[in-house]
């Protein structure tokens, strides 16, 4: 899944399912509800990865580096 699949790693910091696949969505929700997935650990990994790789400061810093290189 381009976009979301670049940010969310299946089973690591989220669960992915094909758009429009209601059964896969229901199965993913059931995994959380039934305790088959450690949602607390998964959400912590997602928060940590976002802060490290996708924060506004990091993105701005990378854009600034590109502009400095072009100038």
Protein backbone atom coordinates (compact mmCIF):
# COMPACT_ATOMS: atom_id res chain seq x y z
CA UNK A 1 0.00 0.00 0.00
CA UNK A 2 1.78 3.15 -1.11
CA UNK A 3 1.52 6.08 1.27
CA UNK A 4 0.16 4.49 4.42
CA UNK A 5 2.25 1.39 3.79
CA UNK A 6 5.35 3.59 3.80
CA UNK A 7 4.57 4.81 7.30
CA UNK A 8 2.80 1.86 8.94
CA UNK A 9 4.72 -1.40 9.07
CA UNK A 10 2.34 -4.35 9.12
CA UNK A 11 2.30 -6.01 12.51
CA UNK A 12 5.00 -3.72 13.89
CA UNK A 13 3.29 -0.38 14.42
CA UNK A 14 -0.10 -1.03 12.87
CA UNK A 15 -2.30 -3.40 10.93
CA UNK A 16 -2.95 -2.88 7.24
CA UNK A 17 -5.82 -4.07 5.11
CA UNK A 18 -6.89 -3.42 1.52
CA UNK A 19 -9.18 -0.42 0.95
CA UNK A 20 -12.81 -1.45 0.84
CA UNK A 21 -12.18 -4.88 2.38
CA UNK A 22 -14.66 -4.79 5.24
CA UNK A 23 -13.83 -8.32 6.37
CA UNK A 24 -10.11 -7.54 6.70
CA UNK A 25 -10.98 -4.41 8.68
CA UNK A 26 -13.25 -6.45 10.96
CA UNK A 27 -10.52 -9.08 11.39
CA UNK A 28 -7.97 -6.40 12.30
CA UNK A 29 -10.35 -4.87 14.85
CA UNK A 30 -11.05 -8.32 16.28
CA UNK A 31 -7.31 -8.90 16.67
CA UNK A 32 -7.12 -5.86 18.93
CA UNK A 33 -10.32 -6.63 20.83
CA UNK A 34 -9.40 -10.28 21.43
CA UNK A 35 -5.91 -9.36 22.63
CA UNK A 36 -4.18 -11.14 19.75
CA UNK A 37 -2.25 -7.95 19.08
CA UNK A 38 -0.47 -5.91 21.74
CA UNK A 39 -1.96 -2.57 20.75
CA UNK A 40 -0.17 -0.72 23.55
CA UNK A 41 3.28 -1.85 22.34
CA UNK A 42 2.26 -1.28 18.73
CA UNK A 43 1.10 2.27 19.42
CA UNK A 44 4.30 3.01 21.37
CA UNK A 45 6.42 1.83 18.44
CA UNK A 46 4.33 3.98 16.09
CA UNK A 47 4.77 7.07 18.29
CA UNK A 48 8.51 6.51 18.62
CA UNK A 49 9.00 5.97 14.90
CA UNK A 50 6.94 9.04 14.04
CA UNK A 51 8.98 11.21 16.40
CA UNK A 52 12.23 9.86 14.96
CA UNK A 53 11.43 9.72 11.25
CA UNK A 54 8.40 11.86 10.45
CA UNK A 55 8.39 14.80 12.85
CA UNK A 56 7.91 18.30 11.47
CA UNK A 57 11.39 19.29 12.64
CA UNK A 58 13.04 16.36 10.88
CA UNK A 59 11.13 16.95 7.66
CA UNK A 60 11.93 20.69 7.72
CA UNK A 61 15.58 19.92 8.35
CA UNK A 62 15.69 17.57 5.37
CA UNK A 63 13.98 20.11 3.11
CA UNK A 64 16.43 22.80 4.25
CA UNK A 65 19.36 20.50 3.44
CA UNK A 66 18.03 19.97 -0.08
CA UNK A 67 17.60 23.72 -0.61
CA UNK A 68 21.11 24.41 0.72
CA UNK A 69 22.50 21.83 -1.69
CA UNK A 70 20.65 23.41 -4.62
CA UNK A 71 21.87 26.90 -3.79
